[in-house]
Protein backbone atom coordinates (compact mmCIF):
# COMPACT_ATOMS: atom_id res chain seq x y z
CA MET A 1 98.92 34.60 60.95
CA SER A 2 97.33 37.85 62.79
CA ALA A 3 95.50 40.45 61.32
CA ALA A 4 98.22 42.63 61.76
CA GLN A 5 100.36 40.41 59.93
CA VAL A 6 98.82 40.10 56.21
CA PRO A 7 101.83 40.36 54.06
CA LEU A 8 101.24 42.70 50.81
CA ARG A 9 101.41 41.42 47.69
CA GLY A 10 104.66 42.19 45.93
CA VAL A 11 106.90 42.52 49.40
CA THR A 12 106.81 38.74 49.89
CA GLY A 13 107.78 35.77 47.51
CA LYS A 14 105.36 33.55 46.23
CA LEU A 15 104.39 30.56 48.48
CA GLY A 16 105.40 27.03 47.53
CA VAL A 17 102.74 24.38 46.37
CA ASP A 18 103.09 20.48 46.58
CA LEU A 19 104.14 19.44 43.31
CA CYS A 20 101.69 16.24 43.68
CA GLU A 21 98.95 19.27 43.94
CA VAL A 22 100.14 21.26 40.59
CA ASN A 23 97.29 19.95 38.68
CA VAL A 24 94.48 19.84 40.81
CA LEU A 25 92.86 22.77 39.08
CA SER A 26 93.92 21.63 35.62
CA GLN A 27 91.21 18.47 35.89
CA GLY A 28 88.65 21.12 36.46
CA VAL A 29 87.53 22.13 39.92
CA ALA A 30 84.28 23.54 41.09
CA PRO A 31 83.62 26.96 42.45
CA PHE A 32 84.97 27.06 46.19
CA ARG A 33 84.27 29.19 49.15
CA VAL A 34 87.06 31.03 50.91
CA LYS A 35 87.35 32.10 54.49
CA PRO A 36 86.87 35.81 55.48
CA LEU A 37 90.44 37.57 56.41
CA MET A 38 89.81 39.90 59.26
CA VAL A 39 92.29 43.07 58.85
CA GLU A 40 93.43 45.13 61.80
CA ARG A 41 92.49 49.10 61.12
CA VAL A 42 93.05 51.88 63.61
CA TRP A 43 89.53 52.89 62.67
CA GLY A 44 87.64 49.70 62.92
CA PHE A 45 85.48 48.26 65.46
CA HIS A 46 86.62 45.60 68.15
CA ASP A 47 82.91 43.74 67.54
CA LEU A 48 81.57 43.14 64.53
CA LYS A 49 77.95 42.13 65.13
CA PRO A 50 75.74 41.61 62.80
CA TRP A 51 77.87 41.12 59.89
CA TYR A 52 79.97 38.66 61.56
CA ALA A 53 80.25 36.66 64.85
CA TYR A 54 83.76 37.89 65.79
CA THR A 55 85.37 39.96 68.32
CA SER A 56 88.97 40.87 68.58
CA GLU A 57 90.91 43.22 71.51
CA THR A 58 92.59 44.64 68.31
CA ALA A 59 90.52 47.13 66.22
CA ILE A 60 89.20 45.53 62.87
CA GLY A 61 88.31 47.55 59.79
CA GLU A 62 88.35 45.18 56.94
CA ALA A 63 87.24 41.57 55.94
CA TRP A 64 89.20 40.68 53.27
CA LEU A 65 87.04 38.13 50.84
CA SER A 66 89.19 37.46 47.87
CA GLY A 67 92.28 38.50 49.29
CA ASP A 68 95.89 36.75 48.16
CA HIS A 69 96.18 35.20 51.84
CA CYS A 70 92.13 34.34 52.18
CA VAL A 71 92.13 30.67 52.93
CA VAL A 72 89.96 28.17 50.86
CA GLU A 73 87.38 26.57 52.55
CA THR A 74 85.93 24.16 50.02
CA GLY A 75 86.96 21.90 47.48
CA PRO A 76 90.40 19.83 46.84
CA LEU A 77 91.78 23.31 47.58
CA ALA A 78 90.84 23.55 50.82
CA GLY A 79 93.64 24.47 53.05
CA LYS A 80 95.53 26.60 50.89
CA THR A 81 95.42 30.24 50.18
CA LEU A 82 94.01 31.87 47.14
CA ASP A 83 97.51 32.97 46.17
CA GLU A 84 98.48 29.35 46.49
CA ALA A 85 95.91 28.11 44.38
CA ALA A 86 96.83 30.67 41.86
CA GLU A 87 100.25 29.89 41.84
CA ALA A 88 99.67 25.99 41.10
CA GLU A 89 97.79 26.53 37.84
CA THR A 90 97.34 30.16 36.96
CA PRO A 91 95.49 29.40 33.58
CA ALA A 92 92.40 27.14 34.84
CA LEU A 93 91.94 29.28 37.73
CA LEU A 94 92.72 32.88 36.59
CA GLY A 95 92.45 32.71 32.39
CA ALA A 96 94.30 35.44 30.78
CA LYS A 97 93.80 39.27 30.69
CA SER A 98 92.43 40.99 27.81
CA ASN A 99 95.67 41.55 25.89
CA GLY A 100 96.33 37.80 26.52
CA SER A 101 98.91 37.89 28.74
CA ALA A 102 98.54 36.11 31.99
CA TRP A 103 97.17 37.06 35.65
CA GLU A 104 99.79 36.15 38.40
CA HIS A 105 97.07 36.81 41.34
CA PHE A 106 93.44 36.79 41.23
CA PRO A 107 92.75 40.33 39.76
CA LEU A 108 90.21 41.69 42.36
CA LEU A 109 90.55 42.46 45.94
CA VAL A 110 86.81 42.28 47.54
CA LYS A 111 86.03 43.58 51.27
CA TYR A 112 83.84 44.99 53.54
CA LEU A 113 84.83 48.16 55.06
CA PHE A 114 83.55 48.42 58.96
CA PRO A 115 84.54 52.46 59.67
CA LYS A 116 84.39 53.58 63.09
CA GLU A 117 86.36 56.65 62.83
CA LYS A 118 87.31 58.56 59.71
CA LEU A 119 89.82 56.63 57.54
CA SER A 120 92.86 58.84 56.27
CA VAL A 121 92.78 61.19 53.39
CA GLN A 122 94.30 59.36 50.66
CA VAL A 123 95.40 58.58 46.88
CA HIS A 124 95.85 55.64 44.98
CA PRO A 125 98.21 55.28 41.90
CA ASP A 126 96.85 54.46 38.31
CA ASP A 127 98.06 51.97 35.88
CA ASP A 128 100.46 54.49 33.99
CA PHE A 129 102.24 55.09 37.18
CA ALA A 130 102.45 51.21 38.63
CA ALA A 131 104.00 50.39 35.21
CA LYS A 132 106.27 53.37 35.68
CA PHE A 133 107.67 52.67 39.09
CA GLY A 134 106.72 48.71 39.28
CA GLY A 135 108.23 46.77 42.27
CA THR A 136 105.95 47.20 45.21
CA THR A 137 103.60 49.57 43.44
CA GLN A 138 100.37 48.57 42.21
CA ALA A 139 97.56 50.23 40.40
CA LYS A 140 94.27 50.83 42.58
CA THR A 141 91.12 52.05 41.15
CA GLU A 142 88.38 50.87 43.33
CA CYS A 143 84.41 51.43 43.90
CA TRP A 144 82.25 51.24 46.88
CA TYR A 145 78.96 49.84 47.63
CA VAL A 146 76.97 51.21 50.46
CA LEU A 147 75.68 48.44 52.77
CA GLU A 148 74.17 50.23 55.48
CA ALA A 149 74.10 53.87 56.14
CA GLU A 150 73.28 56.41 59.26
CA PRO A 151 71.29 59.53 58.62
CA ASN A 152 74.04 62.01 57.21
CA ALA A 153 76.42 59.62 56.48
CA GLY A 154 78.88 60.57 53.61
CA ILE A 155 82.16 60.33 51.84
CA LEU A 156 84.86 63.35 50.98
CA LEU A 157 85.11 62.37 47.36
CA GLY A 158 87.86 64.67 44.94
CA LEU A 159 88.65 68.27 45.24
CA LYS A 160 86.71 71.21 44.88
CA PRO A 161 86.93 73.35 41.32
CA GLY A 162 90.12 75.31 40.97
CA THR A 163 91.99 73.65 43.78
CA SER A 164 95.90 73.36 43.15
CA LYS A 165 98.36 70.65 44.80
CA ASP A 166 100.20 73.76 46.14
CA ASP A 167 96.66 74.52 47.94
CA VAL A 168 96.67 70.45 49.02
CA ARG A 169 100.07 71.27 50.53
CA ARG A 170 99.49 73.94 52.39
CA ALA A 171 96.03 72.62 53.61
CA ILE A 172 97.62 69.69 54.73
CA GLY A 173 100.31 71.82 56.76
CA ASP A 174 97.51 73.98 58.54
CA GLY A 175 94.83 70.89 59.09
CA THR A 176 92.09 72.43 56.51
CA LEU A 177 92.15 69.77 53.95
CA GLU A 178 88.95 68.47 54.21
CA GLN A 179 87.66 72.29 52.90
CA LEU A 180 88.79 71.74 50.03
CA MET A 181 87.35 68.31 49.17
CA VAL A 182 83.81 67.53 48.22
CA ARG A 183 81.69 65.88 50.89
CA VAL A 184 79.21 63.48 48.81
CA PRO A 185 75.85 62.23 51.30
CA VAL A 186 75.53 58.40 50.96
CA ALA A 187 72.90 55.71 51.39
CA ALA A 188 72.16 52.27 51.51
CA GLY A 189 72.34 51.04 47.95
CA ASP A 190 74.31 53.33 46.34
CA MET A 191 77.28 52.38 44.17
CA VAL A 192 80.84 55.05 43.97
CA TYR A 193 83.25 55.15 41.83
CA VAL A 194 86.85 56.00 43.13
CA SER A 195 88.99 55.98 39.83
CA ALA A 196 92.91 56.04 40.93
CA GLY A 197 94.41 59.59 41.54
CA THR A 198 91.25 60.85 43.42
CA MET A 199 91.63 62.07 46.88
CA HIS A 200 89.33 60.70 48.97
CA ALA A 201 88.35 59.77 52.76
CA LEU A 202 85.43 57.07 54.18
CA GLU A 203 83.43 58.69 57.14
CA PRO A 204 82.16 56.97 59.99
CA GLY A 205 78.38 55.81 59.75
CA ALA A 206 78.54 53.65 56.88
CA VAL A 207 79.42 49.60 55.72
CA ILE A 208 81.02 49.60 52.51
CA LEU A 209 81.51 46.60 50.11
CA GLU A 210 84.74 47.65 48.02
CA ILE A 211 85.85 46.05 44.80
CA GLN A 212 89.03 47.08 43.52
CA GLN A 213 92.02 46.08 41.82
CA ASN A 214 93.96 43.54 43.78
CA SER A 215 96.25 46.18 45.46
CA ASP A 216 96.86 47.83 48.96
CA THR A 217 99.00 50.52 47.71
CA THR A 218 98.19 53.73 49.71
CA TYR A 219 99.80 56.87 49.90
CA ARG A 220 98.19 58.79 53.20
CA LEU A 221 98.12 62.46 52.36
CA TYR A 222 96.36 63.17 56.17
CA ASP A 223 95.65 61.06 59.19
CA TYR A 224 94.10 63.36 61.77
CA GLY A 225 96.52 63.27 64.19
CA ARG A 226 97.49 59.78 64.06
CA PRO A 227 100.99 58.77 64.18
CA ARG A 228 100.73 56.91 61.24
CA GLU A 229 103.68 57.67 58.32
CA LEU A 230 102.22 60.31 55.58
CA HIS A 231 103.18 59.76 51.98
CA LEU A 232 102.78 63.39 50.84
CA GLU A 233 105.67 63.60 48.25
CA ARG A 234 104.34 60.39 46.37
CA GLY A 235 100.86 61.24 47.14
CA LEU A 236 100.87 64.51 45.20
CA GLU A 237 102.55 62.76 42.51
CA VAL A 238 99.67 60.42 41.53
CA LEU A 239 96.58 63.06 42.69
CA LYS A 240 94.62 64.32 39.86
CA LEU A 241 92.74 67.53 40.61
CA GLU A 242 89.71 66.31 38.31
CA THR A 243 88.99 62.68 38.06
CA ASP A 244 85.60 61.03 36.91
CA ALA A 245 84.81 59.51 40.10
CA GLY A 246 81.19 60.03 41.57
CA LYS A 247 77.90 57.90 41.90
CA VAL A 248 76.81 55.48 39.45
CA VAL A 249 73.19 54.95 38.57
CA PRO A 250 72.58 50.77 38.32
CA GLN A 251 70.92 49.24 35.43
CA ALA A 252 68.58 46.75 35.25
CA ILE A 253 69.73 43.48 33.94
CA ALA A 254 68.16 39.86 33.96
CA GLY A 255 67.79 38.93 37.70
CA GLY A 256 69.33 42.05 39.27
CA GLU A 257 71.08 45.45 38.46
CA ARG A 258 74.48 45.99 37.04
CA LEU A 259 75.66 48.65 39.35
CA ILE A 260 79.05 49.72 37.85
CA GLN A 261 81.09 48.91 34.90
CA VAL A 262 84.35 50.16 34.22
CA PRO A 263 87.34 48.78 32.33
CA HIS A 264 88.85 47.20 35.44
CA PHE A 265 85.41 45.48 36.98
CA THR A 266 82.14 45.03 36.52
CA VAL A 267 79.77 44.58 39.69
CA GLU A 268 76.27 43.41 39.61
CA ARG A 269 73.47 42.92 42.42
CA ARG A 270 71.65 39.74 41.87
CA VAL A 271 68.52 38.62 43.75
CA LEU A 272 68.38 34.80 43.95
CA THR A 273 64.94 32.80 43.96
CA ASP A 274 63.82 29.20 43.75
CA GLU A 275 64.24 29.76 39.73
CA ALA A 276 68.09 29.41 38.73
CA GLN A 277 69.68 31.78 37.05
CA ALA A 278 71.88 30.77 34.39
CA VAL A 279 75.70 32.71 34.30
CA THR A 280 77.98 32.76 31.42
CA SER A 281 81.25 33.41 33.27
CA ARG A 282 83.34 36.24 32.26
CA GLY A 283 86.88 34.61 33.52
CA ALA A 284 87.58 34.44 37.02
CA GLU A 285 84.79 35.53 39.02
CA CYS A 286 83.91 36.44 42.88
CA LEU A 287 80.27 36.04 44.20
CA VAL A 288 79.58 37.56 47.83
CA THR A 289 76.67 36.60 49.54
CA LEU A 290 75.17 39.60 51.72
CA SER A 291 72.05 37.94 52.77
CA GLY A 292 70.41 34.46 52.48
CA SER A 293 71.92 31.73 51.43
CA GLY A 294 72.14 29.38 47.75
CA THR A 295 74.02 27.47 45.70
CA VAL A 296 76.34 28.16 42.66
CA SER A 297 76.14 24.85 40.68
CA SER A 298 78.17 23.84 38.09
CA ALA A 299 79.76 21.24 35.14
CA ALA A 300 82.50 20.78 37.72
CA GLY A 301 80.73 20.74 40.88
CA ASP A 302 78.10 22.65 43.73
CA VAL A 303 79.11 25.01 46.37
CA GLU A 304 77.14 26.51 48.88
CA LEU A 305 76.56 30.59 48.98
CA ILE A 306 77.03 31.65 52.84
CA ALA A 307 76.48 35.41 54.18
CA GLY A 308 79.34 37.51 54.61
CA ALA A 309 82.03 34.89 52.56
CA ALA A 310 82.89 34.69 49.03
CA VAL A 311 82.86 31.79 46.32
CA ILE A 312 85.52 32.17 43.61
CA VAL A 313 84.64 30.82 39.96
CA PRO A 314 87.33 29.54 38.08
CA ALA A 315 87.99 31.09 34.77
CA THR A 316 87.26 27.32 33.24
CA VAL A 317 83.77 26.83 34.84
CA GLY A 318 82.81 28.66 31.62
CA SER A 319 78.82 28.78 32.89
CA TYR A 320 77.39 28.07 36.12
CA SER A 321 73.88 28.50 37.90
CA LEU A 322 72.51 30.48 41.10
CA VAL A 323 69.50 29.33 42.90
CA GLY A 324 68.08 30.35 46.38
CA ASP A 325 67.03 33.10 48.55
CA ALA A 326 69.65 35.05 48.92
CA VAL A 327 71.31 38.47 47.72
CA VAL A 328 74.62 38.17 45.85
CA VAL A 329 77.46 40.71 44.60
CA ARG A 330 78.82 39.51 41.56
CA ALA A 331 82.56 41.11 40.38
CA PHE A 332 84.30 40.61 37.39
CA VAL A 333 87.12 41.81 35.43
CA GLY A 334 85.57 43.88 32.22
């Protein structure tokens, strides 16, 4: 499957799973690593070094680390997509939501963003809007952890006080939308919360680790003259004039720091050493190794941590330990 052919969840049907493999997870499966999926974006790069030894004739803007169509690399489910693994035994891999209902897909989409040009000015629906319209509309609250930033790097996040939706509509028409938005300078180590309904745009000059609800629903309001579809009416409908988006101050925890904790996800940054860190898992989790290497160990088995790739910790693992010489981001719901 090429980068341009990545299907969106909710648009295609579920993929089949061989019956002889349905009980693999129920027997207890160790944390497993998934292969990054490179996704074409017009604003991306053709060469992803030094983050990945990857070049492409098409521009690559994202590396999906926990997407439904990322392929499992290790363990008994190797060769299957993450979505196929989840369909094989949903409770064992995904656990249950806080309200007791079952997850249907891995709840978080984690990815690197490599913007060479400005992204479109866009907005995403919240949970209430998604529940109202259903179908291919999924809620998308996200956060951006800045891994690298050039001097004067920044993002556009939210609207200036007093701006109305009529102002936004007029500014889209005359090309002055940026003048209505708040520009936030960013540096390596910043965590930015982008709550659903917040108008935003990512500028070039930074590499971002994005953690979000597992959704690719985006309403594009302005695209700097690129010939792509805009979603003006639906975007204005979900747009919130005031939100709680912005930078988040990290909190110290054992082994690292908590970067953000909101109802949709918690994200931690952990620094691994030769002394093992014991972790009590919180349902299905995603571990992303930013640098170095290490090991995730559990009663069900071990898996190696490799820079640039994600390890999925199934909900049934319960507890595990981290050891090595690495910097790891841990993401889970709640």
